[in-house]
Amino acid sequence: MNKCIYCGSENLEKELPMRGSKSAGHLHFNYANDAKLAAMFAVENEIIFADLCNDCGSITRFYIKDTKRFWNKSV
């Protein structure tokens, strides 16, 4: 995506890591190294990134870099 879907600007800041408070660190999705572990608990995490329009301030995309994971779907 090279243009903002809201204002049409090409002035995008890409791959910004999402951060919580200082104590929380990065926002992330939890995953495990195999499906059995993912059903019980997560042992790893995948950082969430965002692309931001510098002109209108809209977040144009949220994403993670590695999608081949056994995701922990429990709350």
N, C-alpha and C. Protein backbone atom coordinates (compact mmCIF):
# COMPACT_ATOMS: atom_id res chain seq x y z
N MET A 1 0.85 -1.16 0.00
CA MET A 1 0.00 0.00 0.00
C MET A 1 0.91 1.23 0.00
N ASN A 2 0.83 2.03 -1.05
CA ASN A 2 1.69 3.20 -1.15
C ASN A 2 0.94 4.52 -0.98
N LYS A 3 -0.39 4.44 -0.83
CA LYS A 3 -1.20 5.64 -0.63
C LYS A 3 -2.15 5.43 0.53
N CYS A 4 -2.44 6.51 1.24
CA CYS A 4 -3.42 6.46 2.31
C CYS A 4 -4.80 6.23 1.70
N ILE A 5 -5.53 5.26 2.25
CA ILE A 5 -6.87 4.98 1.73
C ILE A 5 -7.89 6.04 2.12
N TYR A 6 -7.52 6.93 3.05
CA TYR A 6 -8.44 7.95 3.52
C TYR A 6 -8.25 9.30 2.82
N CYS A 7 -6.98 9.74 2.66
CA CYS A 7 -6.76 11.06 2.07
C CYS A 7 -5.98 11.03 0.76
N GLY A 8 -5.45 9.85 0.38
CA GLY A 8 -4.72 9.72 -0.88
C GLY A 8 -3.25 10.11 -0.81
N SER A 9 -2.77 10.53 0.35
CA SER A 9 -1.38 10.94 0.50
C SER A 9 -0.42 9.77 0.31
N GLU A 10 0.75 10.06 -0.20
CA GLU A 10 1.81 9.06 -0.31
C GLU A 10 2.84 9.23 0.81
N ASN A 11 2.56 10.13 1.75
CA ASN A 11 3.46 10.44 2.85
C ASN A 11 3.18 9.47 4.01
N LEU A 12 3.61 8.22 3.84
CA LEU A 12 3.35 7.18 4.83
C LEU A 12 4.62 6.83 5.59
N GLU A 13 4.45 6.62 6.88
CA GLU A 13 5.53 6.10 7.73
C GLU A 13 5.22 4.63 7.90
N LYS A 14 6.15 3.75 7.50
CA LYS A 14 5.87 2.31 7.50
C LYS A 14 6.65 1.58 8.56
N GLU A 15 6.13 0.41 8.93
CA GLU A 15 6.75 -0.52 9.88
C GLU A 15 7.01 0.08 11.25
N LEU A 16 6.04 0.83 11.76
CA LEU A 16 6.16 1.36 13.12
C LEU A 16 5.75 0.27 14.11
N PRO A 17 6.63 -0.16 15.01
CA PRO A 17 6.23 -1.17 15.99
C PRO A 17 5.22 -0.58 16.97
N MET A 18 4.15 -1.30 17.22
CA MET A 18 3.14 -0.86 18.17
C MET A 18 3.71 -1.02 19.58
N ARG A 19 3.55 0.00 20.41
CA ARG A 19 4.06 -0.05 21.78
C ARG A 19 2.94 0.25 22.77
N GLY A 20 3.03 -0.38 23.91
CA GLY A 20 2.13 -0.10 25.02
C GLY A 20 2.82 0.86 25.97
N SER A 21 2.50 0.78 27.22
CA SER A 21 3.20 1.59 28.21
C SER A 21 4.63 1.08 28.36
N LYS A 22 5.46 1.80 29.09
CA LYS A 22 6.84 1.37 29.28
C LYS A 22 6.92 -0.03 29.87
N SER A 23 6.05 -0.33 30.82
CA SER A 23 6.10 -1.64 31.46
C SER A 23 5.51 -2.74 30.58
N ALA A 24 4.58 -2.38 29.67
CA ALA A 24 3.93 -3.38 28.83
C ALA A 24 4.79 -3.78 27.63
N GLY A 25 5.66 -2.91 27.17
CA GLY A 25 6.49 -3.23 26.00
C GLY A 25 5.68 -3.14 24.72
N HIS A 26 6.02 -3.96 23.74
CA HIS A 26 5.32 -3.96 22.45
C HIS A 26 3.97 -4.67 22.54
N LEU A 27 3.01 -4.23 21.75
CA LEU A 27 1.76 -4.97 21.58
C LEU A 27 2.08 -6.15 20.68
N HIS A 28 1.49 -7.28 20.97
CA HIS A 28 1.86 -8.47 20.21
C HIS A 28 0.74 -9.51 20.23
N PHE A 29 0.86 -10.49 19.33
CA PHE A 29 0.03 -11.69 19.35
C PHE A 29 0.88 -12.82 19.91
N ASN A 30 0.27 -13.68 20.73
CA ASN A 30 0.98 -14.81 21.30
C ASN A 30 0.90 -16.02 20.38
N TYR A 31 1.98 -16.80 20.36
CA TYR A 31 1.99 -18.05 19.61
C TYR A 31 2.89 -19.05 20.31
N ALA A 32 2.80 -20.30 19.90
CA ALA A 32 3.65 -21.36 20.45
C ALA A 32 4.38 -22.05 19.30
N ASN A 33 5.33 -22.88 19.65
CA ASN A 33 6.13 -23.57 18.64
C ASN A 33 5.43 -24.78 18.04
N ASP A 34 4.35 -25.23 18.66
CA ASP A 34 3.56 -26.31 18.06
C ASP A 34 2.10 -26.14 18.47
N ALA A 35 1.21 -26.83 17.77
CA ALA A 35 -0.24 -26.67 17.97
C ALA A 35 -0.67 -27.06 19.38
N LYS A 36 -0.07 -28.09 19.95
CA LYS A 36 -0.45 -28.56 21.28
C LYS A 36 -0.16 -27.49 22.33
N LEU A 37 1.00 -26.87 22.26
CA LEU A 37 1.33 -25.80 23.20
C LEU A 37 0.45 -24.58 23.01
N ALA A 38 0.10 -24.27 21.77
CA ALA A 38 -0.74 -23.10 21.49
C ALA A 38 -2.10 -23.23 22.14
N ALA A 39 -2.62 -24.44 22.25
CA ALA A 39 -3.93 -24.65 22.87
C ALA A 39 -3.88 -24.39 24.38
N MET A 40 -2.72 -24.55 24.99
CA MET A 40 -2.60 -24.38 26.45
C MET A 40 -2.12 -22.97 26.83
N PHE A 41 -1.04 -22.56 26.24
CA PHE A 41 -0.47 -21.25 26.56
C PHE A 41 0.51 -20.87 25.44
N ALA A 42 0.88 -19.63 25.41
CA ALA A 42 1.82 -19.17 24.39
C ALA A 42 3.20 -19.00 25.01
N VAL A 43 4.20 -19.34 24.26
CA VAL A 43 5.56 -19.22 24.78
C VAL A 43 6.35 -18.13 24.04
N GLU A 44 5.82 -17.61 22.98
CA GLU A 44 6.50 -16.58 22.19
C GLU A 44 5.48 -15.49 21.83
N ASN A 45 5.96 -14.40 21.22
CA ASN A 45 5.03 -13.40 20.73
C ASN A 45 5.54 -12.79 19.43
N GLU A 46 4.63 -12.29 18.65
CA GLU A 46 4.91 -11.66 17.35
C GLU A 46 4.47 -10.21 17.43
N ILE A 47 5.39 -9.27 17.24
CA ILE A 47 5.11 -7.84 17.36
C ILE A 47 4.16 -7.37 16.26
N ILE A 48 3.23 -6.50 16.63
CA ILE A 48 2.30 -5.89 15.68
C ILE A 48 2.91 -4.59 15.17
N PHE A 49 2.88 -4.41 13.86
CA PHE A 49 3.40 -3.19 13.23
C PHE A 49 2.25 -2.40 12.61
N ALA A 50 2.47 -1.12 12.36
CA ALA A 50 1.45 -0.26 11.74
C ALA A 50 2.10 0.64 10.71
N ASP A 51 1.32 0.99 9.69
CA ASP A 51 1.69 2.03 8.74
C ASP A 51 0.81 3.24 9.04
N LEU A 52 1.41 4.43 9.07
CA LEU A 52 0.72 5.64 9.49
C LEU A 52 0.81 6.70 8.40
N CYS A 53 -0.29 7.38 8.11
CA CYS A 53 -0.29 8.51 7.18
C CYS A 53 0.17 9.75 7.95
N ASN A 54 1.26 10.35 7.50
CA ASN A 54 1.79 11.54 8.16
C ASN A 54 0.97 12.80 7.88
N ASP A 55 0.06 12.74 6.90
CA ASP A 55 -0.75 13.92 6.58
C ASP A 55 -2.07 13.96 7.33
N CYS A 56 -2.82 12.86 7.34
CA CYS A 56 -4.12 12.89 8.03
C CYS A 56 -4.12 12.16 9.36
N GLY A 57 -3.04 11.42 9.67
CA GLY A 57 -2.92 10.74 10.95
C GLY A 57 -3.61 9.39 11.02
N SER A 58 -4.13 8.90 9.91
CA SER A 58 -4.82 7.60 9.92
C SER A 58 -3.82 6.45 9.95
N ILE A 59 -4.20 5.39 10.65
CA ILE A 59 -3.45 4.14 10.58
C ILE A 59 -3.98 3.42 9.34
N THR A 60 -3.12 3.19 8.38
CA THR A 60 -3.57 2.61 7.12
C THR A 60 -3.45 1.09 7.10
N ARG A 61 -2.69 0.53 8.04
CA ARG A 61 -2.50 -0.92 8.03
C ARG A 61 -1.93 -1.37 9.37
N PHE A 62 -2.44 -2.50 9.90
CA PHE A 62 -1.85 -3.23 11.02
C PHE A 62 -1.39 -4.57 10.47
N TYR A 63 -0.23 -5.06 10.90
CA TYR A 63 0.23 -6.35 10.40
C TYR A 63 1.34 -6.92 11.28
N ILE A 64 1.59 -8.22 11.07
CA ILE A 64 2.73 -8.89 11.67
C ILE A 64 3.58 -9.40 10.51
N LYS A 65 4.84 -9.66 10.79
CA LYS A 65 5.76 -10.04 9.72
C LYS A 65 5.78 -11.53 9.44
N ASP A 66 5.57 -12.37 10.43
CA ASP A 66 5.62 -13.82 10.22
C ASP A 66 4.27 -14.42 10.57
N THR A 67 3.55 -14.91 9.59
CA THR A 67 2.20 -15.43 9.81
C THR A 67 2.14 -16.94 10.00
N LYS A 68 3.24 -17.63 9.79
CA LYS A 68 3.24 -19.09 9.89
C LYS A 68 3.49 -19.50 11.35
N ARG A 69 2.47 -19.35 12.16
CA ARG A 69 2.57 -19.62 13.60
C ARG A 69 1.38 -20.47 14.07
N PHE A 70 1.52 -21.06 15.24
CA PHE A 70 0.42 -21.72 15.93
C PHE A 70 -0.09 -20.73 16.95
N TRP A 71 -1.12 -19.97 16.58
CA TRP A 71 -1.60 -18.84 17.39
C TRP A 71 -2.37 -19.29 18.60
N ASN A 72 -2.13 -18.63 19.72
CA ASN A 72 -2.88 -18.86 20.94
C ASN A 72 -4.11 -17.98 20.88
N LYS A 73 -5.30 -18.60 20.83
CA LYS A 73 -6.56 -17.85 20.70
C LYS A 73 -7.29 -17.67 22.01
N SER A 74 -6.70 -18.14 23.12
CA SER A 74 -7.36 -17.96 24.42
C SER A 74 -7.18 -16.53 24.90
N VAL A 75 -8.06 -16.12 25.79
CA VAL A 75 -8.03 -14.76 26.30
C VAL A 75 -7.10 -14.62 27.47
